[in-house]
Amino acid sequence: MNESSMNNTSRTNWEKVDSLSEDEIDTSDIPPLTEEFFAQSRWWKPKTPLEVVVQVDPSTLAWFQAQGEDYEKKMAAALRIYAEAHKV
């Protein structure tokens, strides 16, 4: 993972999306939810994250902190992405 991949921003015009009424939203490409769909679905609850102590070098911590107040969530996401990419 390189630094530029962590700096991608959405180009979605969220103000336009938020201003759409229900009738203006095109849902024609969404298949109907059938009884078969519900028969095969299951409820799940996300796992509660664990709090752990990890040693991080000061420059890495400073970079994440510079990304905003939710830097801890971003660190966790980066670890998750790394782990998924390296599963055997």
PDB file of N, CA and C in Angstrom:
ATOM      1  N   MET A   1       0.855  -1.164   0.000  1.00  0.00           N
ATOM      2  CA  MET A   1       0.000   0.000   0.000  1.00  0.00           C
ATOM      3  C   MET A   1       0.900   1.225   0.000  1.00  0.00           C
ATOM      4  N   ASN A   2       0.628   2.162  -0.912  1.00  0.00           N
ATOM      5  CA  ASN A   2       1.443   3.361  -0.936  1.00  0.00           C
ATOM      6  C   ASN A   2       0.677   4.528  -0.333  1.00  0.00           C
ATOM      7  N   GLU A   3       1.391   5.610  -0.098  1.00  0.00           N
ATOM      8  CA  GLU A   3       0.786   6.758   0.581  1.00  0.00           C
ATOM      9  C   GLU A   3      -0.355   7.361  -0.219  1.00  0.00           C
ATOM     10  N   SER A   4      -0.249   7.371  -1.541  1.00  0.00           N
ATOM     11  CA  SER A   4      -1.299   7.991  -2.351  1.00  0.00           C
ATOM     12  C   SER A   4      -2.609   7.215  -2.264  1.00  0.00           C
ATOM     13  N   SER A   5      -2.557   5.915  -2.020  1.00  0.00           N
ATOM     14  CA  SER A   5      -3.801   5.153  -1.920  1.00  0.00           C
ATOM     15  C   SER A   5      -4.570   5.493  -0.648  1.00  0.00           C
ATOM     16  N   MET A   6      -3.919   6.079   0.325  1.00  0.00           N
ATOM     17  CA  MET A   6      -4.598   6.484   1.558  1.00  0.00           C
ATOM     18  C   MET A   6      -5.189   7.890   1.430  1.00  0.00           C
ATOM     19  N   ASN A   7      -4.880   8.612   0.334  1.00  0.00           N
ATOM     20  CA  ASN A   7      -5.336   9.983   0.177  1.00  0.00           C
ATOM     21  C   ASN A   7      -6.461  10.124  -0.839  1.00  0.00           C
ATOM     22  N   ASN A   8      -7.043   9.019  -1.290  1.00  0.00           N
ATOM     23  CA  ASN A   8      -8.135   9.090  -2.249  1.00  0.00           C
ATOM     24  C   ASN A   8      -9.344   9.747  -1.604  1.00  0.00           C
ATOM     25  N   THR A   9      -9.978  10.657  -2.327  1.00  0.00           N
ATOM     26  CA  THR A   9     -11.188  11.286  -1.822  1.00  0.00           C
ATOM     27  C   THR A   9     -12.317  11.001  -2.791  1.00  0.00           C
ATOM     28  N   SER A  10     -13.507  10.968  -2.266  1.00  0.00           N
ATOM     29  CA  SER A  10     -14.683  10.689  -3.082  1.00  0.00           C
ATOM     30  C   SER A  10     -14.980  11.859  -4.011  1.00  0.00           C
ATOM     31  N   ARG A  11     -15.323  11.551  -5.252  1.00  0.00           N
ATOM     32  CA  ARG A  11     -15.730  12.587  -6.199  1.00  0.00           C
ATOM     33  C   ARG A  11     -17.255  12.623  -6.316  1.00  0.00           C
ATOM     34  N   THR A  12     -17.935  11.936  -5.417  1.00  0.00           N
ATOM     35  CA  THR A  12     -19.391  11.914  -5.431  1.00  0.00           C
ATOM     36  C   THR A  12     -19.930  13.267  -4.985  1.00  0.00           C
ATOM     37  N   ASN A  13     -20.911  13.774  -5.678  1.00  0.00           N
ATOM     38  CA  ASN A  13     -21.562  15.020  -5.298  1.00  0.00           C
ATOM     39  C   ASN A  13     -22.636  14.676  -4.266  1.00  0.00           C
ATOM     40  N   TRP A  14     -22.252  14.625  -2.996  1.00  0.00           N
ATOM     41  CA  TRP A  14     -23.157  14.191  -1.940  1.00  0.00           C
ATOM     42  C   TRP A  14     -24.303  15.163  -1.731  1.00  0.00           C
ATOM     43  N   GLU A  15     -24.086  16.450  -1.998  1.00  0.00           N
ATOM     44  CA  GLU A  15     -25.186  17.420  -1.865  1.00  0.00           C
ATOM     45  C   GLU A  15     -26.294  17.093  -2.861  1.00  0.00           C
ATOM     46  N   LYS A  16     -25.915  16.725  -4.082  1.00  0.00           N
ATOM     47  CA  LYS A  16     -26.915  16.355  -5.085  1.00  0.00           C
ATOM     48  C   LYS A  16     -27.626  15.069  -4.666  1.00  0.00           C
ATOM     49  N   VAL A  17     -26.872  14.091  -4.204  1.00  0.00           N
ATOM     50  CA  VAL A  17     -27.470  12.828  -3.765  1.00  0.00           C
ATOM     51  C   VAL A  17     -28.455  13.078  -2.635  1.00  0.00           C
ATOM     52  N   ASP A  18     -28.053  13.886  -1.657  1.00  0.00           N
ATOM     53  CA  ASP A  18     -28.928  14.182  -0.516  1.00  0.00           C
ATOM     54  C   ASP A  18     -30.195  14.931  -0.926  1.00  0.00           C
ATOM     55  N   SER A  19     -30.117  15.693  -2.022  1.00  0.00           N
ATOM     56  CA  SER A  19     -31.275  16.489  -2.434  1.00  0.00           C
ATOM     57  C   SER A  19     -32.291  15.692  -3.244  1.00  0.00           C
ATOM     58  N   LEU A  20     -31.944  14.477  -3.680  1.00  0.00           N
ATOM     59  CA  LEU A  20     -32.865  13.671  -4.489  1.00  0.00           C
ATOM     60  C   LEU A  20     -34.052  13.204  -3.668  1.00  0.00           C
ATOM     61  N   SER A  21     -35.230  13.237  -4.287  1.00  0.00           N
ATOM     62  CA  SER A  21     -36.413  12.667  -3.637  1.00  0.00           C
ATOM     63  C   SER A  21     -36.436  11.160  -3.921  1.00  0.00           C
ATOM     64  N   GLU A  22     -37.278  10.432  -3.226  1.00  0.00           N
ATOM     65  CA  GLU A  22     -37.396   8.984  -3.447  1.00  0.00           C
ATOM     66  C   GLU A  22     -37.753   8.679  -4.904  1.00  0.00           C
ATOM     67  N   ASP A  23     -38.618   9.508  -5.503  1.00  0.00           N
ATOM     68  CA  ASP A  23     -39.049   9.283  -6.891  1.00  0.00           C
ATOM     69  C   ASP A  23     -37.930   9.530  -7.897  1.00  0.00           C
ATOM     70  N   GLU A  24     -36.951  10.346  -7.550  1.00  0.00           N
ATOM     71  CA  GLU A  24     -35.866  10.678  -8.471  1.00  0.00           C
ATOM     72  C   GLU A  24     -34.737   9.649  -8.460  1.00  0.00           C
ATOM     73  N   ILE A  25     -34.737   8.741  -7.520  1.00  0.00           N
ATOM     74  CA  ILE A  25     -33.676   7.743  -7.411  1.00  0.00           C
ATOM     75  C   ILE A  25     -34.011   6.566  -8.316  1.00  0.00           C
ATOM     76  N   ASP A  26     -33.111   6.264  -9.244  1.00  0.00           N
ATOM     77  CA  ASP A  26     -33.312   5.169 -10.193  1.00  0.00           C
ATOM     78  C   ASP A  26     -32.921   3.848  -9.533  1.00  0.00           C
ATOM     79  N   THR A  27     -33.906   3.021  -9.281  1.00  0.00           N
ATOM     80  CA  THR A  27     -33.647   1.708  -8.669  1.00  0.00           C
ATOM     81  C   THR A  27     -33.936   0.570  -9.650  1.00  0.00           C
ATOM     82  N   SER A  28     -34.009   0.897 -10.940  1.00  0.00           N
ATOM     83  CA  SER A  28     -34.397  -0.103 -11.942  1.00  0.00           C
ATOM     84  C   SER A  28     -33.387  -1.236 -12.072  1.00  0.00           C
ATOM     85  N   ASP A  29     -32.134  -1.010 -11.656  1.00  0.00           N
ATOM     86  CA  ASP A  29     -31.125  -2.059 -11.787  1.00  0.00           C
ATOM     87  C   ASP A  29     -30.999  -2.919 -10.531  1.00  0.00           C
ATOM     88  N   ILE A  30     -31.867  -2.696  -9.558  1.00  0.00           N
ATOM     89  CA  ILE A  30     -31.822  -3.471  -8.324  1.00  0.00           C
ATOM     90  C   ILE A  30     -32.854  -4.599  -8.418  1.00  0.00           C
ATOM     91  N   PRO A  31     -32.417  -5.853  -8.312  1.00  0.00           N
ATOM     92  CA  PRO A  31     -33.393  -6.948  -8.396  1.00  0.00           C
ATOM     93  C   PRO A  31     -34.322  -6.941  -7.179  1.00  0.00           C
ATOM     94  N   PRO A  32     -35.536  -7.450  -7.348  1.00  0.00           N
ATOM     95  CA  PRO A  32     -36.459  -7.493  -6.214  1.00  0.00           C
ATOM     96  C   PRO A  32     -35.974  -8.469  -5.147  1.00  0.00           C
ATOM     97  N   LEU A  33     -36.315  -8.187  -3.902  1.00  0.00           N
ATOM     98  CA  LEU A  33     -35.973  -9.088  -2.798  1.00  0.00           C
ATOM     99  C   LEU A  33     -37.058 -10.159  -2.717  1.00  0.00           C
ATOM    100  N   THR A  34     -36.664 -11.388  -3.003  1.00  0.00           N
ATOM    101  CA  THR A  34     -37.611 -12.492  -3.051  1.00  0.00           C
ATOM    102  C   THR A  34     -37.599 -13.273  -1.737  1.00  0.00           C
ATOM    103  N   GLU A  35     -38.553 -14.188  -1.611  1.00  0.00           N
ATOM    104  CA  GLU A  35     -38.587 -15.071  -0.439  1.00  0.00           C
ATOM    105  C   GLU A  35     -37.308 -15.902  -0.381  1.00  0.00           C
ATOM    106  N   GLU A  36     -36.807 -16.310  -1.550  1.00  0.00           N
ATOM    107  CA  GLU A  36     -35.564 -17.091  -1.604  1.00  0.00           C
ATOM    108  C   GLU A  36     -34.396 -16.289  -1.018  1.00  0.00           C
ATOM    109  N   PHE A  37     -34.360 -15.013  -1.340  1.00  0.00           N
ATOM    110  CA  PHE A  37     -33.298 -14.156  -0.791  1.00  0.00           C
ATOM    111  C   PHE A  37     -33.349 -14.175   0.730  1.00  0.00           C
ATOM    112  N   PHE A  38     -34.541 -13.952   1.286  1.00  0.00           N
ATOM    113  CA  PHE A  38     -34.663 -13.900   2.732  1.00  0.00           C
ATOM    114  C   PHE A  38     -34.419 -15.258   3.387  1.00  0.00           C
ATOM    115  N   ALA A  39     -34.752 -16.337   2.687  1.00  0.00           N
ATOM    116  CA  ALA A  39     -34.512 -17.678   3.216  1.00  0.00           C
ATOM    117  C   ALA A  39     -33.015 -17.958   3.335  1.00  0.00           C
ATOM    118  N   GLN A  40     -32.228 -17.375   2.442  1.00  0.00           N
ATOM    119  CA  GLN A  40     -30.787 -17.616   2.451  1.00  0.00           C
ATOM    120  C   GLN A  40     -30.010 -16.577   3.266  1.00  0.00           C
ATOM    121  N   SER A  41     -30.680 -15.529   3.705  1.00  0.00           N
ATOM    122  CA  SER A  41     -29.982 -14.480   4.438  1.00  0.00           C
ATOM    123  C   SER A  41     -29.831 -14.861   5.913  1.00  0.00           C
ATOM    124  N   ARG A  42     -28.950 -14.139   6.589  1.00  0.00           N
ATOM    125  CA  ARG A  42     -28.772 -14.374   8.017  1.00  0.00           C
ATOM    126  C   ARG A  42     -28.469 -13.048   8.694  1.00  0.00           C
ATOM    127  N   TRP A  43     -28.827 -12.947   9.957  1.00  0.00           N
ATOM    128  CA  TRP A  43     -28.512 -11.768  10.757  1.00  0.00           C
ATOM    129  C   TRP A  43     -27.105 -11.930  11.301  1.00  0.00           C
ATOM    130  N   TRP A  44     -26.389 -10.858  11.399  1.00  0.00           N
ATOM    131  CA  TRP A  44     -25.062 -10.907  12.000  1.00  0.00           C
ATOM    132  C   TRP A  44     -24.808  -9.617  12.752  1.00  0.00           C
ATOM    133  N   LYS A  45     -23.994  -9.739  13.740  1.00  0.00           N
ATOM    134  CA  LYS A  45     -23.621  -8.595  14.555  1.00  0.00           C
ATOM    135  C   LYS A  45     -22.110  -8.401  14.401  1.00  0.00           C
ATOM    136  N   PRO A  46     -21.667  -7.180  14.085  1.00  0.00           N
ATOM    137  CA  PRO A  46     -20.226  -6.957  13.952  1.00  0.00           C
ATOM    138  C   PRO A  46     -19.496  -7.276  15.247  1.00  0.00           C
ATOM    139  N   LYS A  47     -18.286  -7.777  15.111  1.00  0.00           N
ATOM    140  CA  LYS A  47     -17.479  -8.076  16.286  1.00  0.00           C
ATOM    141  C   LYS A  47     -17.044  -6.773  16.948  1.00  0.00           C
ATOM    142  N   THR A  48     -17.046  -6.783  18.259  1.00  0.00           N
ATOM    143  CA  THR A  48     -16.578  -5.624  19.002  1.00  0.00           C
ATOM    144  C   THR A  48     -15.067  -5.559  18.893  1.00  0.00           C
ATOM    145  N   PRO A  49     -14.521  -4.395  18.491  1.00  0.00           N
ATOM    146  CA  PRO A  49     -13.067  -4.301  18.362  1.00  0.00           C
ATOM    147  C   PRO A  49     -12.375  -4.454  19.720  1.00  0.00           C
ATOM    148  N   LEU A  50     -11.186  -4.999  19.679  1.00  0.00           N
ATOM    149  CA  LEU A  50     -10.380  -5.147  20.882  1.00  0.00           C
ATOM    150  C   LEU A  50      -9.464  -3.943  21.023  1.00  0.00           C
ATOM    151  N   GLU A  51      -9.188  -3.566  22.249  1.00  0.00           N
ATOM    152  CA  GLU A  51      -8.213  -2.516  22.487  1.00  0.00           C
ATOM    153  C   GLU A  51      -6.897  -3.176  22.854  1.00  0.00           C
ATOM    154  N   VAL A  52      -5.840  -2.836  22.103  1.00  0.00           N
ATOM    155  CA  VAL A  52      -4.525  -3.401  22.343  1.00  0.00           C
ATOM    156  C   VAL A  52      -3.491  -2.275  22.369  1.00  0.00           C
ATOM    157  N   VAL A  53      -2.356  -2.576  22.952  1.00  0.00           N
ATOM    158  CA  VAL A  53      -1.252  -1.628  22.959  1.00  0.00           C
ATOM    159  C   VAL A  53      -0.252  -2.082  21.902  1.00  0.00           C
ATOM    160  N   VAL A  54       0.062  -1.176  20.978  1.00  0.00           N
ATOM    161  CA  VAL A  54       0.985  -1.478  19.894  1.00  0.00           C
ATOM    162  C   VAL A  54       2.021  -0.362  19.838  1.00  0.00           C
ATOM    163  N   GLN A  55       3.273  -0.745  19.698  1.00  0.00           N
ATOM    164  CA  GLN A  55       4.316   0.259  19.552  1.00  0.00           C
ATOM    165  C   GLN A  55       4.369   0.720  18.103  1.00  0.00           C
ATOM    166  N   VAL A  56       4.315   2.032  17.904  1.00  0.00           N
ATOM    167  CA  VAL A  56       4.346   2.630  16.573  1.00  0.00           C
ATOM    168  C   VAL A  56       5.415   3.720  16.586  1.00  0.00           C
ATOM    169  N   ASP A  57       6.200   3.783  15.511  1.00  0.00           N
ATOM    170  CA  ASP A  57       7.236   4.815  15.494  1.00  0.00           C
ATOM    171  C   ASP A  57       6.577   6.193  15.405  1.00  0.00           C
ATOM    172  N   PRO A  58       7.225   7.206  15.971  1.00  0.00           N
ATOM    173  CA  PRO A  58       6.616   8.538  16.070  1.00  0.00           C
ATOM    174  C   PRO A  58       6.191   9.141  14.728  1.00  0.00           C
ATOM    175  N   SER A  59       6.959   8.926  13.666  1.00  0.00           N
ATOM    176  CA  SER A  59       6.589   9.533  12.384  1.00  0.00           C
ATOM    177  C   SER A  59       5.332   8.888  11.799  1.00  0.00           C
ATOM    178  N   THR A  60       5.155   7.590  11.995  1.00  0.00           N
ATOM    179  CA  THR A  60       3.941   6.920  11.511  1.00  0.00           C
ATOM    180  C   THR A  60       2.727   7.415  12.286  1.00  0.00           C
ATOM    181  N   LEU A  61       2.850   7.513  13.600  1.00  0.00           N
ATOM    182  CA  LEU A  61       1.745   8.019  14.416  1.00  0.00           C
ATOM    183  C   LEU A  61       1.404   9.449  14.017  1.00  0.00           C
ATOM    184  N   ALA A  62       2.422  10.282  13.813  1.00  0.00           N
ATOM    185  CA  ALA A  62       2.183  11.673  13.430  1.00  0.00           C
ATOM    186  C   ALA A  62       1.441  11.754  12.103  1.00  0.00           C
ATOM    187  N   TRP A  63       1.800  10.872  11.142  1.00  0.00           N
ATOM    188  CA  TRP A  63       1.122  10.885   9.853  1.00  0.00           C
ATOM    189  C   TRP A  63      -0.359  10.554  10.020  1.00  0.00           C
ATOM    190  N   PHE A  64      -0.653   9.501  10.787  1.00  0.00           N
ATOM    191  CA  PHE A  64      -2.056   9.141  10.994  1.00  0.00           C
ATOM    192  C   PHE A  64      -2.803  10.242  11.739  1.00  0.00           C
ATOM    193  N   GLN A  65      -2.183  10.837  12.750  1.00  0.00           N
ATOM    194  CA  GLN A  65      -2.845  11.908  13.494  1.00  0.00           C
ATOM    195  C   GLN A  65      -3.149  13.099  12.584  1.00  0.00           C
ATOM    196  N   ALA A  66      -2.281  13.344  11.611  1.00  0.00           N
ATOM    197  CA  ALA A  66      -2.504  14.446  10.675  1.00  0.00           C
ATOM    198  C   ALA A  66      -3.694  14.181   9.750  1.00  0.00           C
ATOM    199  N   GLN A  67      -4.183  12.949   9.703  1.00  0.00           N
ATOM    200  CA  GLN A  67      -5.312  12.596   8.832  1.00  0.00           C
ATOM    201  C   GLN A  67      -6.656  12.971   9.446  1.00  0.00           C
ATOM    202  N   GLY A  68      -6.671  13.361  10.706  1.00  0.00           N
ATOM    203  CA  GLY A  68      -7.926  13.790  11.327  1.00  0.00           C
ATOM    204  C   GLY A  68      -8.162  13.128  12.662  1.00  0.00           C
ATOM    205  N   GLU A  69      -9.240  13.570  13.309  1.00  0.00           N
ATOM    206  CA  GLU A  69      -9.563  13.090  14.656  1.00  0.00           C
ATOM    207  C   GLU A  69      -9.828  11.589  14.709  1.00  0.00           C
ATOM    208  N   ASP A  70     -10.273  11.008  13.601  1.00  0.00           N
ATOM    209  CA  ASP A  70     -10.575   9.574  13.580  1.00  0.00           C
ATOM    210  C   ASP A  70      -9.361   8.749  13.150  1.00  0.00           C
ATOM    211  N   TYR A  71      -8.165   9.244  13.468  1.00  0.00           N
ATOM    212  CA  TYR A  71      -6.945   8.569  13.013  1.00  0.00           C
ATOM    213  C   TYR A  71      -6.838   7.135  13.532  1.00  0.00           C
ATOM    214  N   GLU A  72      -7.378   6.855  14.719  1.00  0.00           N
ATOM    215  CA  GLU A  72      -7.300   5.481  15.240  1.00  0.00           C
ATOM    216  C   GLU A  72      -8.108   4.520  14.371  1.00  0.00           C
ATOM    217  N   LYS A  73      -9.267   4.966  13.897  1.00  0.00           N
ATOM    218  CA  LYS A  73     -10.074   4.144  12.992  1.00  0.00           C
ATOM    219  C   LYS A  73      -9.338   3.918  11.683  1.00  0.00           C
ATOM    220  N   LYS A  74      -8.633   4.943  11.214  1.00  0.00           N
ATOM    221  CA  LYS A  74      -7.883   4.809   9.969  1.00  0.00           C
ATOM    222  C   LYS A  74      -6.705   3.855  10.150  1.00  0.00           C
ATOM    223  N   MET A  75      -6.077   3.874  11.306  1.00  0.00           N
ATOM    224  CA  MET A  75      -4.995   2.924  11.576  1.00  0.00           C
ATOM    225  C   MET A  75      -5.537   1.500  11.580  1.00  0.00           C
ATOM    226  N   ALA A  76      -6.692   1.311  12.218  1.00  0.00           N
ATOM    227  CA  ALA A  76      -7.307  -0.016  12.257  1.00  0.00           C
ATOM    228  C   ALA A  76      -7.674  -0.473  10.852  1.00  0.00           C
ATOM    229  N   ALA A  77      -8.187   0.440  10.023  1.00  0.00           N
ATOM    230  CA  ALA A  77      -8.546   0.085   8.644  1.00  0.00           C
ATOM    231  C   ALA A  77      -7.307  -0.304   7.846  1.00  0.00           C
ATOM    232  N   ALA A  78      -6.214   0.431   8.044  1.00  0.00           N
ATOM    233  CA  ALA A  78      -4.968   0.108   7.336  1.00  0.00           C
ATOM    234  C   ALA A  78      -4.463  -1.277   7.731  1.00  0.00           C
ATOM    235  N   LEU A  79      -4.547  -1.607   9.007  1.00  0.00           N
ATOM    236  CA  LEU A  79      -4.137  -2.939   9.467  1.00  0.00           C
ATOM    237  C   LEU A  79      -5.029  -4.020   8.869  1.00  0.00           C
ATOM    238  N   ARG A  80      -6.337  -3.748   8.811  1.00  0.00           N
ATOM    239  CA  ARG A  80      -7.287  -4.708   8.248  1.00  0.00           C
ATOM    240  C   ARG A  80      -6.982  -4.956   6.764  1.00  0.00           C
ATOM    241  N   ILE A  81      -6.734  -3.878   6.015  1.00  0.00           N
ATOM    242  CA  ILE A  81      -6.427  -3.989   4.588  1.00  0.00           C
ATOM    243  C   ILE A  81      -5.136  -4.791   4.402  1.00  0.00           C
ATOM    244  N   TYR A  82      -4.130  -4.496   5.211  1.00  0.00           N
ATOM    245  CA  TYR A  82      -2.855  -5.223   5.112  1.00  0.00           C
ATOM    246  C   TYR A  82      -3.056  -6.714   5.396  1.00  0.00           C
ATOM    247  N   ALA A  83      -3.808  -7.009   6.465  1.00  0.00           N
ATOM    248  CA  ALA A  83      -4.039  -8.419   6.834  1.00  0.00           C
ATOM    249  C   ALA A  83      -4.799  -9.155   5.732  1.00  0.00           C
ATOM    250  N   GLU A  84      -5.829  -8.517   5.161  1.00  0.00           N
ATOM    251  CA  GLU A  84      -6.591  -9.160   4.083  1.00  0.00           C
ATOM    252  C   GLU A  84      -5.717  -9.414   2.862  1.00  0.00           C
ATOM    253  N   ALA A  85      -4.836  -8.482   2.564  1.00  0.00           N
ATOM    254  CA  ALA A  85      -3.974  -8.613   1.382  1.00  0.00           C
ATOM    255  C   ALA A  85      -2.922  -9.706   1.560  1.00  0.00           C
ATOM    256  N   HIS A  86      -2.621 -10.071   2.800  1.00  0.00           N
ATOM    257  CA  HIS A  86      -1.557 -11.052   3.052  1.00  0.00           C
ATOM    258  C   HIS A  86      -2.064 -12.376   3.598  1.00  0.00           C
ATOM    259  N   LYS A  87      -3.386 -12.617   3.502  1.00  0.00           N
ATOM    260  CA  LYS A  87      -3.911 -13.917   3.938  1.00  0.00           C
ATOM    261  C   LYS A  87      -3.420 -14.996   2.992  1.00  0.00           C
ATOM    262  N   VAL A  88      -3.134 -16.135   3.555  1.00  0.00           N
ATOM    263  CA  VAL A  88      -2.643 -17.252   2.737  1.00  0.00           C
ATOM    264  C   VAL A  88      -3.781 -18.131   2.318  1.00  0.00           C
TER     265      VAL A  88
END
